[in-house]
Protein backbone atom coordinates (compact mmCIF):
# COMPACT_ATOMS: atom_id res chain seq x y z
CA MET A 1 122.97 123.00 94.15
CA ALA A 2 121.59 126.01 95.92
CA LYS A 3 118.45 125.46 97.95
CA LYS A 4 115.40 126.93 96.25
CA ASP A 5 113.22 129.42 98.08
CA LYS A 6 110.06 127.49 98.94
CA ASN A 7 108.02 130.69 98.66
CA ALA A 8 109.42 131.65 95.27
CA HIS A 9 107.04 132.13 92.36
CA VAL A 10 107.80 129.87 89.43
CA SER A 11 106.96 130.90 85.88
CA GLU A 12 103.59 129.86 84.50
CA THR A 13 102.86 126.42 83.09
CA PRO A 14 99.70 125.28 81.29
CA ALA A 15 98.68 123.74 84.65
CA THR A 16 99.04 126.94 86.68
CA GLN A 17 97.37 128.98 83.92
CA LEU A 18 94.35 126.68 84.00
CA LEU A 19 94.16 126.67 87.80
CA ARG A 20 94.42 130.47 88.01
CA ALA A 21 91.81 130.91 85.26
CA GLN A 22 89.45 128.67 87.30
CA GLY A 23 90.13 130.62 90.51
CA VAL A 24 91.75 127.64 92.27
CA GLU A 25 93.83 128.44 95.34
CA PHE A 26 97.19 126.70 95.41
CA THR A 27 100.68 127.17 96.78
CA GLU A 28 103.87 126.62 94.78
CA HIS A 29 106.66 124.35 96.03
CA PRO A 30 109.80 124.20 93.89
CA TYR A 31 112.49 121.66 94.75
CA ASP A 32 115.70 120.35 93.17
CA TYR A 33 114.63 117.70 90.67
CA VAL A 34 116.56 114.43 90.94
CA GLU A 35 116.36 111.97 88.02
CA HIS A 36 114.50 108.83 89.22
CA GLY A 37 114.00 110.44 92.66
CA GLY A 38 110.23 110.31 92.35
CA SER A 39 107.75 111.32 95.00
CA ALA A 40 110.03 110.09 97.80
CA GLU A 41 112.67 112.66 96.86
CA SER A 42 110.25 115.56 96.43
CA ALA A 43 108.56 114.70 99.75
CA ARG A 44 111.94 114.52 101.50
CA GLN A 45 113.12 117.87 100.13
CA LEU A 46 109.85 119.65 100.90
CA GLY A 47 109.32 118.01 104.32
CA LEU A 48 106.03 116.40 103.24
CA ASP A 49 104.46 113.03 103.95
CA GLU A 50 104.93 111.02 100.74
CA HIS A 51 101.35 109.77 101.07
CA MET A 52 100.04 113.29 100.31
CA VAL A 53 102.30 113.67 97.26
CA VAL A 54 100.21 112.57 94.29
CA LYS A 55 101.81 111.02 91.21
CA THR A 56 100.33 111.75 87.78
CA LEU A 57 100.71 108.58 85.72
CA VAL A 58 99.93 108.41 82.00
CA MET A 59 98.74 104.94 81.08
CA GLN A 60 96.92 103.32 78.18
CA ASP A 61 94.31 100.62 77.69
CA GLN A 62 94.43 97.65 75.32
CA ASP A 63 93.51 99.92 72.38
CA ALA A 64 96.35 102.35 73.23
CA ARG A 65 93.81 104.95 74.43
CA PRO A 66 95.58 107.17 76.99
CA LEU A 67 94.32 107.83 80.49
CA ILE A 68 95.66 109.47 83.64
CA VAL A 69 95.83 107.83 87.05
CA LEU A 70 96.41 109.92 90.18
CA MET A 71 98.02 107.83 92.91
CA HIS A 72 99.57 108.39 96.35
CA GLY A 73 103.34 108.79 96.13
CA ASP A 74 103.93 105.85 98.45
CA ARG A 75 101.65 103.46 96.54
CA LYS A 76 101.71 101.62 93.20
CA VAL A 77 98.84 101.10 90.79
CA SER A 78 97.37 97.63 90.48
CA THR A 79 96.82 97.73 86.73
CA LYS A 80 94.69 94.57 87.00
CA ASN A 81 92.31 96.20 89.51
CA LEU A 82 92.29 99.45 87.57
CA ALA A 83 91.43 97.71 84.28
CA ARG A 84 88.58 95.79 85.91
CA GLN A 85 87.12 98.97 87.46
CA ILE A 86 87.23 101.03 84.26
CA GLY A 87 85.99 98.24 81.98
CA ALA A 88 89.27 97.69 80.11
CA LYS A 89 90.88 94.36 79.21
CA HIS A 90 94.20 95.62 80.49
CA VAL A 91 96.03 98.83 81.36
CA GLN A 92 99.75 99.54 81.24
CA PRO A 93 102.00 102.57 81.68
CA CYS A 94 102.81 104.48 78.50
CA LYS A 95 106.42 104.63 77.37
CA PRO A 96 107.91 108.00 78.46
CA GLU A 97 107.99 109.44 74.92
CA VAL A 98 104.33 108.45 74.38
CA ALA A 99 103.31 109.90 77.77
CA ASN A 100 105.13 113.15 76.89
CA ARG A 101 103.27 113.34 73.57
CA HIS A 102 99.84 112.80 75.17
CA SER A 103 100.32 115.16 78.10
CA GLY A 104 102.54 117.84 76.64
CA TYR A 105 104.73 117.54 79.74
CA LEU A 106 108.01 115.71 80.36
CA VAL A 107 107.75 112.57 82.48
CA GLY A 108 108.76 113.65 85.99
CA GLY A 109 106.94 116.95 85.43
CA THR A 110 103.51 115.71 84.34
CA SER A 111 100.51 117.55 85.71
CA PRO A 112 96.95 116.35 85.21
CA PHE A 113 95.96 119.99 84.65
CA GLY A 114 96.40 121.64 81.26
CA THR A 115 97.33 118.51 79.32
CA LYS A 116 97.78 118.70 75.58
CA LYS A 117 95.26 115.93 74.94
CA ASP A 118 92.00 115.44 76.84
CA MET A 119 92.24 112.15 78.68
CA PRO A 120 89.97 110.48 81.24
CA VAL A 121 91.34 110.91 84.76
CA PHE A 122 91.06 108.31 87.51
CA ILE A 123 91.93 109.14 91.11
CA GLU A 124 92.63 106.71 93.95
CA GLU A 125 89.57 107.18 96.17
CA SER A 126 91.52 107.64 99.42
CA ILE A 127 93.29 110.72 97.99
CA LEU A 128 90.00 112.61 98.27
CA SER A 129 89.96 112.16 102.05
CA LEU A 130 93.21 114.13 102.44
CA PRO A 131 92.85 117.81 103.42
CA ARG A 132 95.52 118.86 100.86
CA ILE A 133 97.66 117.18 98.26
CA ALA A 134 100.94 118.07 96.56
CA ILE A 135 100.71 117.42 92.82
CA ASN A 136 102.97 118.25 89.90
CA GLY A 137 102.62 121.77 88.59
CA GLY A 138 103.77 121.09 85.04
CA ARG A 139 107.54 120.94 85.25
CA ARG A 140 110.19 118.85 86.92
CA GLY A 141 110.99 120.06 90.42
CA TYR A 142 107.68 121.86 90.94
CA LEU A 143 104.75 120.74 93.08
CA LEU A 144 101.51 122.58 93.87
CA GLN A 145 99.55 122.11 97.06
CA LEU A 146 95.79 122.26 96.72
CA ASP A 147 92.49 120.73 97.79
CA PRO A 148 92.16 117.26 96.21
CA GLN A 149 88.49 117.97 95.34
CA VAL A 150 89.82 120.26 92.60
CA CYS A 151 90.76 117.08 90.68
CA VAL A 152 87.12 115.99 90.65
CA ARG A 153 85.74 119.46 89.92
CA LEU A 154 88.13 120.47 87.11
CA LEU A 155 89.15 117.11 85.66
CA GLN A 156 85.94 115.14 86.26
CA ALA A 157 88.25 112.55 87.86
CA LYS A 158 86.48 109.28 88.62
CA THR A 159 87.37 107.40 91.79
CA VAL A 160 88.99 104.00 91.68
CA GLN A 161 90.46 101.64 94.28
CA CYS A 162 93.66 100.26 92.82
CA ALA A 163 96.42 101.17 95.30
CA LEU A 164 99.11 98.67 96.24
CA ALA A 165 101.75 99.23 98.94
CA GLU A 166 105.17 100.11 97.44
C-alpha cells in the first residue's frame, strides 16, 4: 500500500465536525489501517509513543448500559477496578456489533466525539497529564492529536484509575 501523506486532510467525520464546531485545535494523522493492529500498529506507523495513543473502548455495565472508557494504548482496563469506581456491579466490553450500534462508528474507528448515543465517558486519570494525545477521529486508519483536557471539557469525562500493564 502507498504511504499516506501525514499532512493530508481527511474527509469530515461526526467527530471532526463536533471538534471544529467547538473550536478545538487538532491535527489529522491518517495511517494504513491493519485489522487487529490496534494502537501498537498506529503508533508504529505514525512514529508515536503508544502510551500517548488513546483507545476508545465501548463497554457496558450489568444492566447493559453503554459507557466509554479512554485508555492508554499500551494499557488494559481493569474492569473490576473500573466497576468499583463507577458504582457498577461489573463492566465488560460490548460485542463489536453492539459497540458499533451505540457509537455509530466501526470498532477500530471509534471516536468518543460525535457518538450516535450519549454515553458516560471515563478517562484514565494519567492521560490528562500528557501534553497531547492521539485519539481516533471517527474512522479506521485516522487519529487526531489534541489536548487531552478537551475530553473533560467536551465529553464531561470523569477520571478513573483502572489501568493495567499490557
